[in-house]
Amino acid sequence: MAQGQNRSSNQLVVPQANAALDQMKYEVAQELGIAIPQDGYYGNMATRDTGSIGGNITRRLVQMAEQQLAGHQNYQ
């Protein structure tokens, strides 16, 4: 598979969020001290590292959603 191509079948519900999610990936990786390859090829990264990045992104997104829901307590 060529570098930079994504095999994931996941599609964003809001495609405009792609840049924000990408930025979050780099922020989380930096906080964890994990270097993301500049060429975009993740094949040489340890599974543990990529899993840590993804897990922390998920944790942040859930936290953001909880905060948003807490601000809209009357939402049904």
PDB file of N, CA and C in Angstrom:
ATOM      1  N   MET A   1       0.842  -1.175   0.000  1.00  0.00           N
ATOM      2  CA  MET A   1       0.000   0.000   0.000  1.00  0.00           C
ATOM      3  C   MET A   1       0.886   1.238   0.000  1.00  0.00           C
ATOM      4  N   ALA A   2       0.548   2.217  -0.785  1.00  0.00           N
ATOM      5  CA  ALA A   2       1.350   3.434  -0.896  1.00  0.00           C
ATOM      6  C   ALA A   2       1.285   4.242   0.393  1.00  0.00           C
ATOM      7  N   GLN A   3       2.335   4.979   0.633  1.00  0.00           N
ATOM      8  CA  GLN A   3       2.392   5.795   1.832  1.00  0.00           C
ATOM      9  C   GLN A   3       1.321   6.866   1.790  1.00  0.00           C
ATOM     10  N   GLY A   4       0.762   7.153   2.989  1.00  0.00           N
ATOM     11  CA  GLY A   4      -0.232   8.205   3.076  1.00  0.00           C
ATOM     12  C   GLY A   4      -1.643   7.755   2.771  1.00  0.00           C
ATOM     13  N   GLN A   5      -1.810   6.537   2.277  1.00  0.00           N
ATOM     14  CA  GLN A   5      -3.154   6.048   2.010  1.00  0.00           C
ATOM     15  C   GLN A   5      -3.731   5.457   3.267  1.00  0.00           C
ATOM     16  N   ASN A   6      -5.026   5.581   3.426  1.00  0.00           N
ATOM     17  CA  ASN A   6      -5.708   5.102   4.612  1.00  0.00           C
ATOM     18  C   ASN A   6      -6.590   3.923   4.235  1.00  0.00           C
ATOM     19  N   ARG A   7      -6.346   2.769   4.870  1.00  0.00           N
ATOM     20  CA  ARG A   7      -7.147   1.587   4.582  1.00  0.00           C
ATOM     21  C   ARG A   7      -8.418   1.535   5.401  1.00  0.00           C
ATOM     22  N   SER A   8      -8.575   2.437   6.333  1.00  0.00           N
ATOM     23  CA  SER A   8      -9.715   2.416   7.234  1.00  0.00           C
ATOM     24  C   SER A   8     -11.013   2.625   6.451  1.00  0.00           C
ATOM     25  N   SER A   9     -12.014   1.869   6.821  1.00  0.00           N
ATOM     26  CA  SER A   9     -13.323   2.037   6.187  1.00  0.00           C
ATOM     27  C   SER A   9     -14.181   3.016   6.976  1.00  0.00           C
ATOM     28  N   ASN A  10     -13.642   3.539   8.086  1.00  0.00           N
ATOM     29  CA  ASN A  10     -14.382   4.520   8.883  1.00  0.00           C
ATOM     30  C   ASN A  10     -14.500   5.820   8.112  1.00  0.00           C
ATOM     31  N   GLN A  11     -15.693   6.385   8.175  1.00  0.00           N
ATOM     32  CA  GLN A  11     -15.911   7.674   7.544  1.00  0.00           C
ATOM     33  C   GLN A  11     -16.404   8.639   8.601  1.00  0.00           C
ATOM     34  N   LEU A  12     -15.905   9.866   8.549  1.00  0.00           N
ATOM     35  CA  LEU A  12     -16.324  10.868   9.505  1.00  0.00           C
ATOM     36  C   LEU A  12     -17.749  11.297   9.210  1.00  0.00           C
ATOM     37  N   VAL A  13     -18.530  11.466  10.262  1.00  0.00           N
ATOM     38  CA  VAL A  13     -19.894  11.965  10.106  1.00  0.00           C
ATOM     39  C   VAL A  13     -19.838  13.429   9.675  1.00  0.00           C
ATOM     40  N   VAL A  14     -18.873  14.153  10.211  1.00  0.00           N
ATOM     41  CA  VAL A  14     -18.654  15.556   9.856  1.00  0.00           C
ATOM     42  C   VAL A  14     -17.263  15.663   9.238  1.00  0.00           C
ATOM     43  N   PRO A  15     -17.158  15.570   7.917  1.00  0.00           N
ATOM     44  CA  PRO A  15     -15.846  15.571   7.262  1.00  0.00           C
ATOM     45  C   PRO A  15     -14.992  16.793   7.590  1.00  0.00           C
ATOM     46  N   GLN A  16     -15.620  17.912   7.919  1.00  0.00           N
ATOM     47  CA  GLN A  16     -14.874  19.118   8.248  1.00  0.00           C
ATOM     48  C   GLN A  16     -14.100  18.961   9.555  1.00  0.00           C
ATOM     49  N   ALA A  17     -14.402  17.940  10.347  1.00  0.00           N
ATOM     50  CA  ALA A  17     -13.712  17.709  11.615  1.00  0.00           C
ATOM     51  C   ALA A  17     -12.362  17.022  11.406  1.00  0.00           C
ATOM     52  N   ASN A  18     -12.051  16.637  10.199  1.00  0.00           N
ATOM     53  CA  ASN A  18     -10.822  15.904   9.924  1.00  0.00           C
ATOM     54  C   ASN A  18      -9.579  16.660  10.385  1.00  0.00           C
ATOM     55  N   ALA A  19      -9.512  17.947  10.112  1.00  0.00           N
ATOM     56  CA  ALA A  19      -8.341  18.734  10.497  1.00  0.00           C
ATOM     57  C   ALA A  19      -8.217  18.809  12.017  1.00  0.00           C
ATOM     58  N   ALA A  20      -9.324  18.983  12.721  1.00  0.00           N
ATOM     59  CA  ALA A  20      -9.290  19.067  14.181  1.00  0.00           C
ATOM     60  C   ALA A  20      -8.858  17.735  14.788  1.00  0.00           C
ATOM     61  N   LEU A  21      -9.330  16.630  14.240  1.00  0.00           N
ATOM     62  CA  LEU A  21      -8.935  15.314  14.738  1.00  0.00           C
ATOM     63  C   LEU A  21      -7.461  15.047  14.465  1.00  0.00           C
ATOM     64  N   ASP A  22      -6.994  15.480  13.325  1.00  0.00           N
ATOM     65  CA  ASP A  22      -5.583  15.319  12.985  1.00  0.00           C
ATOM     66  C   ASP A  22      -4.717  16.123  13.956  1.00  0.00           C
ATOM     67  N   GLN A  23      -5.134  17.353  14.246  1.00  0.00           N
ATOM     68  CA  GLN A  23      -4.402  18.193  15.193  1.00  0.00           C
ATOM     69  C   GLN A  23      -4.394  17.548  16.574  1.00  0.00           C
ATOM     70  N   MET A  24      -5.528  16.977  16.991  1.00  0.00           N
ATOM     71  CA  MET A  24      -5.612  16.318  18.284  1.00  0.00           C
ATOM     72  C   MET A  24      -4.651  15.130  18.346  1.00  0.00           C
ATOM     73  N   LYS A  25      -4.519  14.416  17.243  1.00  0.00           N
ATOM     74  CA  LYS A  25      -3.591  13.274  17.177  1.00  0.00           C
ATOM     75  C   LYS A  25      -2.171  13.722  17.470  1.00  0.00           C
ATOM     76  N   TYR A  26      -1.743  14.822  16.865  1.00  0.00           N
ATOM     77  CA  TYR A  26      -0.390  15.317  17.074  1.00  0.00           C
ATOM     78  C   TYR A  26      -0.203  15.841  18.499  1.00  0.00           C
ATOM     79  N   GLU A  27      -1.222  16.503  19.048  1.00  0.00           N
ATOM     80  CA  GLU A  27      -1.135  17.007  20.412  1.00  0.00           C
ATOM     81  C   GLU A  27      -1.000  15.863  21.412  1.00  0.00           C
ATOM     82  N   VAL A  28      -1.833  14.835  21.263  1.00  0.00           N
ATOM     83  CA  VAL A  28      -1.796  13.693  22.168  1.00  0.00           C
ATOM     84  C   VAL A  28      -0.451  12.980  22.055  1.00  0.00           C
ATOM     85  N   ALA A  29       0.014  12.782  20.847  1.00  0.00           N
ATOM     86  CA  ALA A  29       1.308  12.108  20.653  1.00  0.00           C
ATOM     87  C   ALA A  29       2.428  12.887  21.320  1.00  0.00           C
ATOM     88  N   GLN A  30       2.396  14.198  21.188  1.00  0.00           N
ATOM     89  CA  GLN A  30       3.436  15.023  21.801  1.00  0.00           C
ATOM     90  C   GLN A  30       3.367  14.912  23.323  1.00  0.00           C
ATOM     91  N   GLU A  31       2.166  14.946  23.892  1.00  0.00           N
ATOM     92  CA  GLU A  31       2.011  14.820  25.338  1.00  0.00           C
ATOM     93  C   GLU A  31       2.528  13.476  25.845  1.00  0.00           C
ATOM     94  N   LEU A  32       2.362  12.435  25.043  1.00  0.00           N
ATOM     95  CA  LEU A  32       2.818  11.102  25.427  1.00  0.00           C
ATOM     96  C   LEU A  32       4.288  10.866  25.092  1.00  0.00           C
ATOM     97  N   GLY A  33       4.898  11.802  24.390  1.00  0.00           N
ATOM     98  CA  GLY A  33       6.301  11.655  24.012  1.00  0.00           C
ATOM     99  C   GLY A  33       6.513  10.681  22.870  1.00  0.00           C
ATOM    100  N   ILE A  34       5.515  10.553  22.009  1.00  0.00           N
ATOM    101  CA  ILE A  34       5.578   9.639  20.873  1.00  0.00           C
ATOM    102  C   ILE A  34       5.755  10.459  19.594  1.00  0.00           C
ATOM    103  N   ALA A  35       6.757  10.099  18.807  1.00  0.00           N
ATOM    104  CA  ALA A  35       7.010  10.801  17.550  1.00  0.00           C
ATOM    105  C   ALA A  35       6.174  10.169  16.436  1.00  0.00           C
ATOM    106  N   ILE A  36       5.406  10.997  15.751  1.00  0.00           N
ATOM    107  CA  ILE A  36       4.615  10.533  14.613  1.00  0.00           C
ATOM    108  C   ILE A  36       5.466  10.709  13.361  1.00  0.00           C
ATOM    109  N   PRO A  37       5.565   9.686  12.531  1.00  0.00           N
ATOM    110  CA  PRO A  37       6.401   9.773  11.318  1.00  0.00           C
ATOM    111  C   PRO A  37       5.952  10.908  10.399  1.00  0.00           C
ATOM    112  N   GLN A  38       6.910  11.676   9.924  1.00  0.00           N
ATOM    113  CA  GLN A  38       6.616  12.805   9.050  1.00  0.00           C
ATOM    114  C   GLN A  38       6.066  12.369   7.692  1.00  0.00           C
ATOM    115  N   ASP A  39       6.431  11.151   7.272  1.00  0.00           N
ATOM    116  CA  ASP A  39       5.974  10.689   5.957  1.00  0.00           C
ATOM    117  C   ASP A  39       4.557  10.116   5.989  1.00  0.00           C
ATOM    118  N   GLY A  40       3.962  10.022   7.184  1.00  0.00           N
ATOM    119  CA  GLY A  40       2.592   9.533   7.293  1.00  0.00           C
ATOM    120  C   GLY A  40       2.463   8.024   7.318  1.00  0.00           C
ATOM    121  N   TYR A  41       3.579   7.305   7.298  1.00  0.00           N
ATOM    122  CA  TYR A  41       3.548   5.843   7.306  1.00  0.00           C
ATOM    123  C   TYR A  41       3.708   5.355   8.739  1.00  0.00           C
ATOM    124  N   TYR A  42       2.681   4.687   9.249  1.00  0.00           N
ATOM    125  CA  TYR A  42       2.663   4.257  10.643  1.00  0.00           C
ATOM    126  C   TYR A  42       3.124   2.813  10.813  1.00  0.00           C
ATOM    127  N   GLY A  43       3.525   2.154   9.753  1.00  0.00           N
ATOM    128  CA  GLY A  43       3.882   0.747   9.797  1.00  0.00           C
ATOM    129  C   GLY A  43       5.067   0.420  10.682  1.00  0.00           C
ATOM    130  N   ASN A  44       5.919   1.385  10.928  1.00  0.00           N
ATOM    131  CA  ASN A  44       7.088   1.139  11.769  1.00  0.00           C
ATOM    132  C   ASN A  44       6.865   1.529  13.226  1.00  0.00           C
ATOM    133  N   MET A  45       5.679   2.027  13.541  1.00  0.00           N
ATOM    134  CA  MET A  45       5.379   2.407  14.921  1.00  0.00           C
ATOM    135  C   MET A  45       4.911   1.189  15.703  1.00  0.00           C
ATOM    136  N   ALA A  46       5.209   1.174  16.979  1.00  0.00           N
ATOM    137  CA  ALA A  46       4.752   0.083  17.838  1.00  0.00           C
ATOM    138  C   ALA A  46       3.243   0.171  18.016  1.00  0.00           C
ATOM    139  N   THR A  47       2.602  -0.972  18.025  1.00  0.00           N
ATOM    140  CA  THR A  47       1.153  -1.028  18.203  1.00  0.00           C
ATOM    141  C   THR A  47       0.755  -0.377  19.519  1.00  0.00           C
ATOM    142  N   ARG A  48       1.581  -0.561  20.519  1.00  0.00           N
ATOM    143  CA  ARG A  48       1.302   0.028  21.829  1.00  0.00           C
ATOM    144  C   ARG A  48       1.228   1.555  21.732  1.00  0.00           C
ATOM    145  N   ASP A  49       2.112   2.154  20.950  1.00  0.00           N
ATOM    146  CA  ASP A  49       2.127   3.614  20.796  1.00  0.00           C
ATOM    147  C   ASP A  49       0.888   4.105  20.061  1.00  0.00           C
ATOM    148  N   THR A  50       0.563   3.459  18.947  1.00  0.00           N
ATOM    149  CA  THR A  50      -0.620   3.901  18.196  1.00  0.00           C
ATOM    150  C   THR A  50      -1.883   3.683  19.017  1.00  0.00           C
ATOM    151  N   GLY A  51      -1.923   2.609  19.786  1.00  0.00           N
ATOM    152  CA  GLY A  51      -3.070   2.353  20.648  1.00  0.00           C
ATOM    153  C   GLY A  51      -3.194   3.379  21.748  1.00  0.00           C
ATOM    154  N   SER A  52      -2.072   3.813  22.288  1.00  0.00           N
ATOM    155  CA  SER A  52      -2.082   4.851  23.323  1.00  0.00           C
ATOM    156  C   SER A  52      -2.616   6.164  22.770  1.00  0.00           C
ATOM    157  N   ILE A  53      -2.190   6.496  21.569  1.00  0.00           N
ATOM    158  CA  ILE A  53      -2.664   7.729  20.941  1.00  0.00           C
ATOM    159  C   ILE A  53      -4.171   7.644  20.716  1.00  0.00           C
ATOM    160  N   GLY A  54      -4.618   6.548  20.121  1.00  0.00           N
ATOM    161  CA  GLY A  54      -6.047   6.389  19.849  1.00  0.00           C
ATOM    162  C   GLY A  54      -6.887   6.356  21.110  1.00  0.00           C
ATOM    163  N   GLY A  55      -6.396   5.683  22.134  1.00  0.00           N
ATOM    164  CA  GLY A  55      -7.132   5.616  23.397  1.00  0.00           C
ATOM    165  C   GLY A  55      -7.266   6.970  24.056  1.00  0.00           C
ATOM    166  N   ASN A  56      -6.194   7.758  24.019  1.00  0.00           N
ATOM    167  CA  ASN A  56      -6.249   9.091  24.610  1.00  0.00           C
ATOM    168  C   ASN A  56      -7.139  10.033  23.807  1.00  0.00           C
ATOM    169  N   ILE A  57      -7.152   9.881  22.499  1.00  0.00           N
ATOM    170  CA  ILE A  57      -8.060  10.681  21.673  1.00  0.00           C
ATOM    171  C   ILE A  57      -9.498  10.338  22.034  1.00  0.00           C
ATOM    172  N   THR A  58      -9.799   9.055  22.154  1.00  0.00           N
ATOM    173  CA  THR A  58     -11.149   8.631  22.516  1.00  0.00           C
ATOM    174  C   THR A  58     -11.541   9.180  23.878  1.00  0.00           C
ATOM    175  N   ARG A  59     -10.633   9.101  24.828  1.00  0.00           N
ATOM    176  CA  ARG A  59     -10.894   9.623  26.170  1.00  0.00           C
ATOM    177  C   ARG A  59     -11.231  11.107  26.112  1.00  0.00           C
ATOM    178  N   ARG A  60     -10.474  11.864  25.330  1.00  0.00           N
ATOM    179  CA  ARG A  60     -10.728  13.304  25.200  1.00  0.00           C
ATOM    180  C   ARG A  60     -12.077  13.581  24.546  1.00  0.00           C
ATOM    181  N   LEU A  61     -12.384  12.826  23.491  1.00  0.00           N
ATOM    182  CA  LEU A  61     -13.651  13.056  22.792  1.00  0.00           C
ATOM    183  C   LEU A  61     -14.844  12.744  23.692  1.00  0.00           C
ATOM    184  N   VAL A  62     -14.735  11.688  24.489  1.00  0.00           N
ATOM    185  CA  VAL A  62     -15.812  11.351  25.431  1.00  0.00           C
ATOM    186  C   VAL A  62     -15.937  12.449  26.475  1.00  0.00           C
ATOM    187  N   GLN A  63     -14.824  12.940  26.978  1.00  0.00           N
ATOM    188  CA  GLN A  63     -14.846  14.011  27.967  1.00  0.00           C
ATOM    189  C   GLN A  63     -15.502  15.269  27.384  1.00  0.00           C
ATOM    190  N   MET A  64     -15.162  15.602  26.140  1.00  0.00           N
ATOM    191  CA  MET A  64     -15.755  16.770  25.492  1.00  0.00           C
ATOM    192  C   MET A  64     -17.268  16.598  25.332  1.00  0.00           C
ATOM    193  N   ALA A  65     -17.700  15.405  24.950  1.00  0.00           N
ATOM    194  CA  ALA A  65     -19.125  15.143  24.782  1.00  0.00           C
ATOM    195  C   ALA A  65     -19.854  15.220  26.115  1.00  0.00           C
ATOM    196  N   GLU A  66     -19.251  14.683  27.179  1.00  0.00           N
ATOM    197  CA  GLU A  66     -19.861  14.743  28.501  1.00  0.00           C
ATOM    198  C   GLU A  66     -20.011  16.185  28.961  1.00  0.00           C
ATOM    199  N   GLN A  67     -18.996  16.993  28.733  1.00  0.00           N
ATOM    200  CA  GLN A  67     -19.066  18.400  29.120  1.00  0.00           C
ATOM    201  C   GLN A  67     -20.149  19.124  28.333  1.00  0.00           C
ATOM    202  N   GLN A  68     -20.254  18.793  27.065  1.00  0.00           N
ATOM    203  CA  GLN A  68     -21.279  19.431  26.239  1.00  0.00           C
ATOM    204  C   GLN A  68     -22.673  19.021  26.707  1.00  0.00           C
ATOM    205  N   LEU A  69     -22.846  17.755  27.026  1.00  0.00           N
ATOM    206  CA  LEU A  69     -24.141  17.279  27.506  1.00  0.00           C
ATOM    207  C   LEU A  69     -24.480  17.871  28.879  1.00  0.00           C
ATOM    208  N   ALA A  70     -23.475  18.032  29.715  1.00  0.00           N
ATOM    209  CA  ALA A  70     -23.716  18.610  31.039  1.00  0.00           C
ATOM    210  C   ALA A  70     -24.189  20.063  30.907  1.00  0.00           C
ATOM    211  N   GLY A  71     -23.751  20.736  29.891  1.00  0.00           N
ATOM    212  CA  GLY A  71     -24.188  22.110  29.652  1.00  0.00           C
ATOM    213  C   GLY A  71     -25.592  22.191  29.078  1.00  0.00           C
ATOM    214  N   HIS A  72     -26.100  21.080  28.582  1.00  0.00           N
ATOM    215  CA  HIS A  72     -27.446  21.008  28.011  1.00  0.00           C
ATOM    216  C   HIS A  72     -28.267  19.970  28.759  1.00  0.00           C
ATOM    217  N   GLN A  73     -28.421  20.163  30.051  1.00  0.00           N
ATOM    218  CA  GLN A  73     -29.075  19.158  30.886  1.00  0.00           C
ATOM    219  C   GLN A  73     -30.547  18.952  30.517  1.00  0.00           C
ATOM    220  N   ASN A  74     -31.196  19.942  29.950  1.00  0.00           N
ATOM    221  CA  ASN A  74     -32.604  19.806  29.589  1.00  0.00           C
ATOM    222  C   ASN A  74     -32.797  19.205  28.212  1.00  0.00           C
ATOM    223  N   TYR A  75     -31.715  18.829  27.557  1.00  0.00           N
ATOM    224  CA  TYR A  75     -31.772  18.236  26.225  1.00  0.00           C
ATOM    225  C   TYR A  75     -32.347  16.829  26.308  1.00  0.00           C
ATOM    226  N   GLN A  76     -33.348  16.552  25.477  1.00  0.00           N
ATOM    227  CA  GLN A  76     -33.963  15.212  25.472  1.00  0.00           C
ATOM    228  C   GLN A  76     -34.020  14.664  24.088  1.00  0.00           C
TER     229      GLN A  76
END
